[in-house]
Amino acid sequence: MKRLFRSFGFAFKGIKYAFDTQPNFRIHLTAGSIAVALGFVLQISAGEWLWVILCIAAVLSAELLNTAIETLTDLVSPTYNIKAGHVKDVSAGAVVIVAAFALLAGAIIFVPKIISLF
């Protein structure tokens, strides 16, 4: 049981590292918080909540993986290397794809509800 609690400690340490060092992680966390607040205000359905939560988790997870990949790349290739640059670009691209999907899903859920308010 002690090992389990330690593993959670390491996980939260990693999340804190990303929060402290990665502006994009903080931006995605803020966007997710806005989506949650909007969900409460607009009283979205249970199915819509599942999509919102899935999108938030996917974007934050992608950003954490991107941070891990970039940090490891910097460790193994401290000087400029074109292939290291490709690795970092590809992992950043993965975040963009997940974030674009989340934005589209959010628009499908929230835009009609916002429009109906007017």
N, C-alpha and C. Protein backbone atom coordinates (compact mmCIF):
# COMPACT_ATOMS: atom_id res chain seq x y z
N MET A 1 0.83 -1.19 0.00
CA MET A 1 0.00 0.00 0.00
C MET A 1 0.87 1.26 0.00
N LYS A 2 2.01 1.16 0.69
CA LYS A 2 2.91 2.31 0.75
C LYS A 2 3.44 2.67 -0.64
N ARG A 3 3.75 1.62 -1.44
CA ARG A 3 4.24 1.86 -2.80
C ARG A 3 3.18 2.55 -3.64
N LEU A 4 1.92 2.19 -3.44
CA LEU A 4 0.83 2.80 -4.19
C LEU A 4 0.75 4.29 -3.89
N PHE A 5 0.80 4.64 -2.62
CA PHE A 5 0.73 6.05 -2.24
C PHE A 5 1.94 6.82 -2.77
N ARG A 6 3.11 6.18 -2.75
CA ARG A 6 4.31 6.83 -3.28
C ARG A 6 4.16 7.09 -4.77
N SER A 7 3.57 6.14 -5.49
CA SER A 7 3.40 6.32 -6.94
C SER A 7 2.47 7.48 -7.24
N PHE A 8 1.42 7.64 -6.43
CA PHE A 8 0.55 8.81 -6.61
C PHE A 8 1.31 10.09 -6.31
N GLY A 9 2.17 10.05 -5.32
CA GLY A 9 2.98 11.23 -5.00
C GLY A 9 3.86 11.63 -6.17
N PHE A 10 4.48 10.64 -6.82
CA PHE A 10 5.30 10.93 -7.99
C PHE A 10 4.45 11.52 -9.12
N ALA A 11 3.26 10.98 -9.29
CA ALA A 11 2.37 11.47 -10.35
C ALA A 11 2.00 12.93 -10.10
N PHE A 12 1.63 13.24 -8.86
CA PHE A 12 1.26 14.63 -8.55
C PHE A 12 2.46 15.56 -8.64
N LYS A 13 3.64 15.04 -8.35
CA LYS A 13 4.86 15.82 -8.50
C LYS A 13 5.08 16.17 -9.98
N GLY A 14 4.79 15.22 -10.87
CA GLY A 14 4.91 15.48 -12.30
C GLY A 14 3.90 16.50 -12.78
N ILE A 15 2.67 16.41 -12.29
CA ILE A 15 1.64 17.39 -12.66
C ILE A 15 2.05 18.78 -12.17
N LYS A 16 2.57 18.86 -10.93
CA LYS A 16 3.02 20.15 -10.40
C LYS A 16 4.17 20.71 -11.24
N TYR A 17 5.10 19.84 -11.66
CA TYR A 17 6.21 20.29 -12.50
C TYR A 17 5.67 20.89 -13.80
N ALA A 18 4.72 20.21 -14.43
CA ALA A 18 4.14 20.72 -15.68
C ALA A 18 3.43 22.04 -15.42
N PHE A 19 2.68 22.12 -14.34
CA PHE A 19 1.96 23.36 -14.02
C PHE A 19 2.95 24.51 -13.79
N ASP A 20 4.02 24.24 -13.08
CA ASP A 20 5.00 25.29 -12.75
C ASP A 20 5.84 25.73 -13.94
N THR A 21 6.06 24.84 -14.90
CA THR A 21 7.03 25.15 -15.96
C THR A 21 6.44 25.31 -17.35
N GLN A 22 5.20 24.88 -17.55
CA GLN A 22 4.64 24.86 -18.90
C GLN A 22 3.44 25.80 -19.02
N PRO A 23 3.62 26.94 -19.67
CA PRO A 23 2.50 27.87 -19.84
C PRO A 23 1.31 27.23 -20.56
N ASN A 24 1.57 26.38 -21.54
CA ASN A 24 0.46 25.75 -22.27
C ASN A 24 -0.36 24.83 -21.38
N PHE A 25 0.28 24.17 -20.42
CA PHE A 25 -0.47 23.32 -19.48
C PHE A 25 -1.42 24.19 -18.68
N ARG A 26 -0.94 25.34 -18.22
CA ARG A 26 -1.81 26.26 -17.46
C ARG A 26 -2.94 26.80 -18.33
N ILE A 27 -2.65 27.08 -19.59
CA ILE A 27 -3.70 27.55 -20.51
C ILE A 27 -4.76 26.47 -20.70
N HIS A 28 -4.34 25.24 -20.91
CA HIS A 28 -5.30 24.14 -21.09
C HIS A 28 -6.09 23.89 -19.82
N LEU A 29 -5.46 24.02 -18.67
CA LEU A 29 -6.15 23.85 -17.39
C LEU A 29 -7.20 24.95 -17.21
N THR A 30 -6.85 26.16 -17.58
CA THR A 30 -7.80 27.27 -17.51
C THR A 30 -8.98 27.05 -18.46
N ALA A 31 -8.69 26.63 -19.68
CA ALA A 31 -9.75 26.36 -20.65
C ALA A 31 -10.67 25.25 -20.14
N GLY A 32 -10.09 24.22 -19.55
CA GLY A 32 -10.89 23.14 -18.99
C GLY A 32 -11.77 23.62 -17.85
N SER A 33 -11.23 24.49 -17.02
CA SER A 33 -12.01 25.05 -15.91
C SER A 33 -13.17 25.89 -16.43
N ILE A 34 -12.94 26.65 -17.49
CA ILE A 34 -14.00 27.44 -18.10
C ILE A 34 -15.08 26.52 -18.67
N ALA A 35 -14.66 25.43 -19.30
CA ALA A 35 -15.63 24.47 -19.85
C ALA A 35 -16.48 23.86 -18.74
N VAL A 36 -15.87 23.54 -17.61
CA VAL A 36 -16.62 22.98 -16.49
C VAL A 36 -17.61 24.01 -15.96
N ALA A 37 -17.16 25.24 -15.78
CA ALA A 37 -18.05 26.30 -15.29
C ALA A 37 -19.22 26.50 -16.27
N LEU A 38 -18.91 26.53 -17.55
CA LEU A 38 -19.95 26.69 -18.57
C LEU A 38 -20.92 25.51 -18.54
N GLY A 39 -20.40 24.32 -18.30
CA GLY A 39 -21.25 23.15 -18.20
C GLY A 39 -22.27 23.27 -17.07
N PHE A 40 -21.83 23.79 -15.93
CA PHE A 40 -22.76 24.00 -14.82
C PHE A 40 -23.78 25.08 -15.15
N VAL A 41 -23.31 26.18 -15.71
CA VAL A 41 -24.20 27.30 -16.03
C VAL A 41 -25.25 26.89 -17.07
N LEU A 42 -24.81 26.16 -18.09
CA LEU A 42 -25.72 25.79 -19.18
C LEU A 42 -26.42 24.45 -18.94
N GLN A 43 -26.15 23.83 -17.80
CA GLN A 43 -26.80 22.58 -17.40
C GLN A 43 -26.75 21.52 -18.51
N ILE A 44 -25.54 21.17 -18.89
CA ILE A 44 -25.38 20.18 -19.94
C ILE A 44 -25.78 18.79 -19.42
N SER A 45 -26.10 17.91 -20.34
CA SER A 45 -26.57 16.57 -19.98
C SER A 45 -25.40 15.69 -19.49
N ALA A 46 -25.76 14.53 -18.94
CA ALA A 46 -24.73 13.60 -18.46
C ALA A 46 -23.83 13.15 -19.62
N GLY A 47 -24.40 12.88 -20.78
CA GLY A 47 -23.60 12.48 -21.93
C GLY A 47 -22.66 13.58 -22.37
N GLU A 48 -23.13 14.81 -22.33
CA GLU A 48 -22.28 15.95 -22.68
C GLU A 48 -21.16 16.12 -21.66
N TRP A 49 -21.47 15.89 -20.38
CA TRP A 49 -20.44 15.95 -19.34
C TRP A 49 -19.34 14.94 -19.61
N LEU A 50 -19.73 13.75 -20.04
CA LEU A 50 -18.72 12.73 -20.34
C LEU A 50 -17.76 13.20 -21.43
N TRP A 51 -18.31 13.82 -22.48
CA TRP A 51 -17.45 14.33 -23.56
C TRP A 51 -16.55 15.46 -23.07
N VAL A 52 -17.11 16.36 -22.27
CA VAL A 52 -16.31 17.48 -21.76
C VAL A 52 -15.17 16.96 -20.89
N ILE A 53 -15.49 16.04 -19.98
CA ILE A 53 -14.46 15.49 -19.09
C ILE A 53 -13.42 14.71 -19.89
N LEU A 54 -13.86 13.94 -20.87
CA LEU A 54 -12.93 13.19 -21.72
C LEU A 54 -11.99 14.14 -22.46
N CYS A 55 -12.54 15.20 -23.01
CA CYS A 55 -11.71 16.17 -23.74
C CYS A 55 -10.69 16.84 -22.83
N ILE A 56 -11.12 17.23 -21.64
CA ILE A 56 -10.20 17.87 -20.69
C ILE A 56 -9.09 16.90 -20.33
N ALA A 57 -9.45 15.66 -20.00
CA ALA A 57 -8.45 14.66 -19.62
C ALA A 57 -7.50 14.38 -20.78
N ALA A 58 -8.02 14.30 -21.99
CA ALA A 58 -7.18 14.01 -23.15
C ALA A 58 -6.19 15.14 -23.42
N VAL A 59 -6.65 16.37 -23.36
CA VAL A 59 -5.76 17.51 -23.63
C VAL A 59 -4.69 17.61 -22.56
N LEU A 60 -5.08 17.50 -21.29
CA LEU A 60 -4.08 17.60 -20.23
C LEU A 60 -3.09 16.43 -20.28
N SER A 61 -3.58 15.25 -20.60
CA SER A 61 -2.69 14.09 -20.72
C SER A 61 -1.72 14.28 -21.89
N ALA A 62 -2.22 14.76 -23.00
CA ALA A 62 -1.35 15.00 -24.16
C ALA A 62 -0.29 16.04 -23.82
N GLU A 63 -0.68 17.07 -23.09
CA GLU A 63 0.27 18.10 -22.71
C GLU A 63 1.33 17.55 -21.75
N LEU A 64 0.92 16.68 -20.83
CA LEU A 64 1.88 16.06 -19.92
C LEU A 64 2.85 15.16 -20.68
N LEU A 65 2.34 14.38 -21.62
CA LEU A 65 3.22 13.53 -22.43
C LEU A 65 4.17 14.37 -23.28
N ASN A 66 3.67 15.47 -23.82
CA ASN A 66 4.52 16.37 -24.60
C ASN A 66 5.64 16.93 -23.72
N THR A 67 5.30 17.32 -22.51
CA THR A 67 6.30 17.84 -21.58
C THR A 67 7.35 16.78 -21.28
N ALA A 68 6.90 15.55 -21.05
CA ALA A 68 7.84 14.46 -20.76
C ALA A 68 8.76 14.21 -21.95
N ILE A 69 8.20 14.19 -23.13
CA ILE A 69 9.01 13.95 -24.33
C ILE A 69 10.01 15.08 -24.55
N GLU A 70 9.57 16.32 -24.38
CA GLU A 70 10.48 17.45 -24.56
C GLU A 70 11.59 17.45 -23.52
N THR A 71 11.25 17.12 -22.28
CA THR A 71 12.26 17.09 -21.22
C THR A 71 13.28 15.99 -21.49
N LEU A 72 12.81 14.82 -21.88
CA LEU A 72 13.72 13.72 -22.19
C LEU A 72 14.58 14.06 -23.40
N THR A 73 13.99 14.67 -24.39
CA THR A 73 14.75 15.06 -25.58
C THR A 73 15.85 16.05 -25.22
N ASP A 74 15.53 17.01 -24.36
CA ASP A 74 16.55 17.97 -23.92
C ASP A 74 17.67 17.28 -23.15
N LEU A 75 17.32 16.23 -22.40
CA LEU A 75 18.32 15.50 -21.63
C LEU A 75 19.28 14.74 -22.54
N VAL A 76 18.73 14.04 -23.53
CA VAL A 76 19.59 13.19 -24.37
C VAL A 76 20.23 13.97 -25.51
N SER A 77 19.72 15.16 -25.81
CA SER A 77 20.29 15.96 -26.89
C SER A 77 20.36 17.42 -26.46
N PRO A 78 21.31 17.74 -25.56
CA PRO A 78 21.38 19.12 -25.04
C PRO A 78 21.77 20.16 -26.07
N THR A 79 22.46 19.75 -27.12
CA THR A 79 22.79 20.69 -28.19
C THR A 79 21.79 20.50 -29.33
N TYR A 80 21.79 21.44 -30.25
CA TYR A 80 20.84 21.38 -31.36
C TYR A 80 21.04 20.12 -32.18
N ASN A 81 19.92 19.47 -32.47
CA ASN A 81 19.93 18.29 -33.31
C ASN A 81 18.62 18.30 -34.08
N ILE A 82 18.70 18.22 -35.40
CA ILE A 82 17.49 18.32 -36.21
C ILE A 82 16.47 17.23 -35.87
N LYS A 83 16.95 16.02 -35.59
CA LYS A 83 16.03 14.93 -35.25
C LYS A 83 15.37 15.16 -33.89
N ALA A 84 16.11 15.71 -32.95
CA ALA A 84 15.52 16.06 -31.65
C ALA A 84 14.42 17.12 -31.85
N GLY A 85 14.69 18.04 -32.75
CA GLY A 85 13.67 19.05 -33.06
C GLY A 85 12.42 18.42 -33.65
N HIS A 86 12.60 17.43 -34.51
CA HIS A 86 11.45 16.73 -35.09
C HIS A 86 10.64 16.02 -34.01
N VAL A 87 11.33 15.39 -33.07
CA VAL A 87 10.64 14.69 -31.98
C VAL A 87 9.78 15.68 -31.20
N LYS A 88 10.34 16.83 -30.87
CA LYS A 88 9.59 17.83 -30.12
C LYS A 88 8.44 18.40 -30.93
N ASP A 89 8.66 18.62 -32.21
CA ASP A 89 7.60 19.15 -33.07
C ASP A 89 6.44 18.16 -33.21
N VAL A 90 6.77 16.88 -33.36
CA VAL A 90 5.73 15.87 -33.52
C VAL A 90 4.91 15.74 -32.23
N SER A 91 5.58 15.75 -31.09
CA SER A 91 4.82 15.64 -29.84
C SER A 91 3.95 16.87 -29.61
N ALA A 92 4.43 18.04 -29.99
CA ALA A 92 3.61 19.24 -29.90
C ALA A 92 2.44 19.16 -30.87
N GLY A 93 2.67 18.59 -32.04
CA GLY A 93 1.60 18.41 -33.01
C GLY A 93 0.49 17.53 -32.47
N ALA A 94 0.86 16.51 -31.71
CA ALA A 94 -0.15 15.63 -31.11
C ALA A 94 -1.05 16.42 -30.16
N VAL A 95 -0.46 17.33 -29.41
CA VAL A 95 -1.26 18.16 -28.50
C VAL A 95 -2.22 19.03 -29.30
N VAL A 96 -1.75 19.59 -30.40
CA VAL A 96 -2.60 20.45 -31.22
C VAL A 96 -3.80 19.66 -31.76
N ILE A 97 -3.57 18.42 -32.19
CA ILE A 97 -4.68 17.61 -32.72
C ILE A 97 -5.70 17.33 -31.63
N VAL A 98 -5.25 16.94 -30.44
CA VAL A 98 -6.18 16.66 -29.35
C VAL A 98 -6.91 17.93 -28.92
N ALA A 99 -6.19 19.05 -28.86
CA ALA A 99 -6.82 20.31 -28.47
C ALA A 99 -7.85 20.76 -29.51
N ALA A 100 -7.56 20.56 -30.78
CA ALA A 100 -8.51 20.92 -31.84
C ALA A 100 -9.77 20.07 -31.73
N PHE A 101 -9.61 18.77 -31.45
CA PHE A 101 -10.76 17.90 -31.25
C PHE A 101 -11.58 18.39 -30.06
N ALA A 102 -10.92 18.75 -28.97
CA ALA A 102 -11.62 19.23 -27.78
C ALA A 102 -12.38 20.53 -28.08
N LEU A 103 -11.75 21.41 -28.83
CA LEU A 103 -12.40 22.66 -29.20
C LEU A 103 -13.64 22.40 -30.05
N LEU A 104 -13.53 21.49 -31.00
CA LEU A 104 -14.67 21.15 -31.85
C LEU A 104 -15.79 20.50 -31.03
N ALA A 105 -15.44 19.57 -30.16
CA ALA A 105 -16.44 18.94 -29.31
C ALA A 105 -17.11 19.97 -28.40
N GLY A 106 -16.32 20.88 -27.85
CA GLY A 106 -16.88 21.95 -27.01
C GLY A 106 -17.82 22.84 -27.80
N ALA A 107 -17.46 23.15 -29.02
CA ALA A 107 -18.33 23.99 -29.85
C ALA A 107 -19.65 23.27 -30.15
N ILE A 108 -19.58 21.99 -30.44
CA ILE A 108 -20.80 21.21 -30.72
C ILE A 108 -21.71 21.19 -29.49
N ILE A 109 -21.12 21.10 -28.31
CA ILE A 109 -21.92 21.04 -27.08
C ILE A 109 -22.41 22.41 -26.67
N PHE A 110 -21.52 23.41 -26.66
CA PHE A 110 -21.86 24.69 -26.04
C PHE A 110 -22.49 25.73 -26.95
N VAL A 111 -22.08 25.79 -28.21
CA VAL A 111 -22.58 26.84 -29.10
C VAL A 111 -24.11 26.83 -29.22
N PRO A 112 -24.75 25.70 -29.48
CA PRO A 112 -26.21 25.72 -29.57
C PRO A 112 -26.88 26.18 -28.28
N LYS A 113 -26.32 25.82 -27.14
CA LYS A 113 -26.91 26.23 -25.87
C LYS A 113 -26.74 27.74 -25.64
N ILE A 114 -25.60 28.27 -26.06
CA ILE A 114 -25.37 29.71 -25.92
C ILE A 114 -26.28 30.47 -26.87
N ILE A 115 -26.42 29.97 -28.10
CA ILE A 115 -27.28 30.64 -29.07
C ILE A 115 -28.73 30.65 -28.59
N SER A 116 -29.17 29.57 -27.96
CA SER A 116 -30.56 29.50 -27.50
C SER A 116 -30.85 30.48 -26.37
N LEU A 117 -29.81 31.01 -25.74
CA LEU A 117 -30.01 32.01 -24.68
C LEU A 117 -30.44 33.36 -25.26
N PHE A 118 -30.17 33.57 -26.55
CA PHE A 118 -30.46 34.87 -27.16
C PHE A 118 -31.68 34.83 -28.02
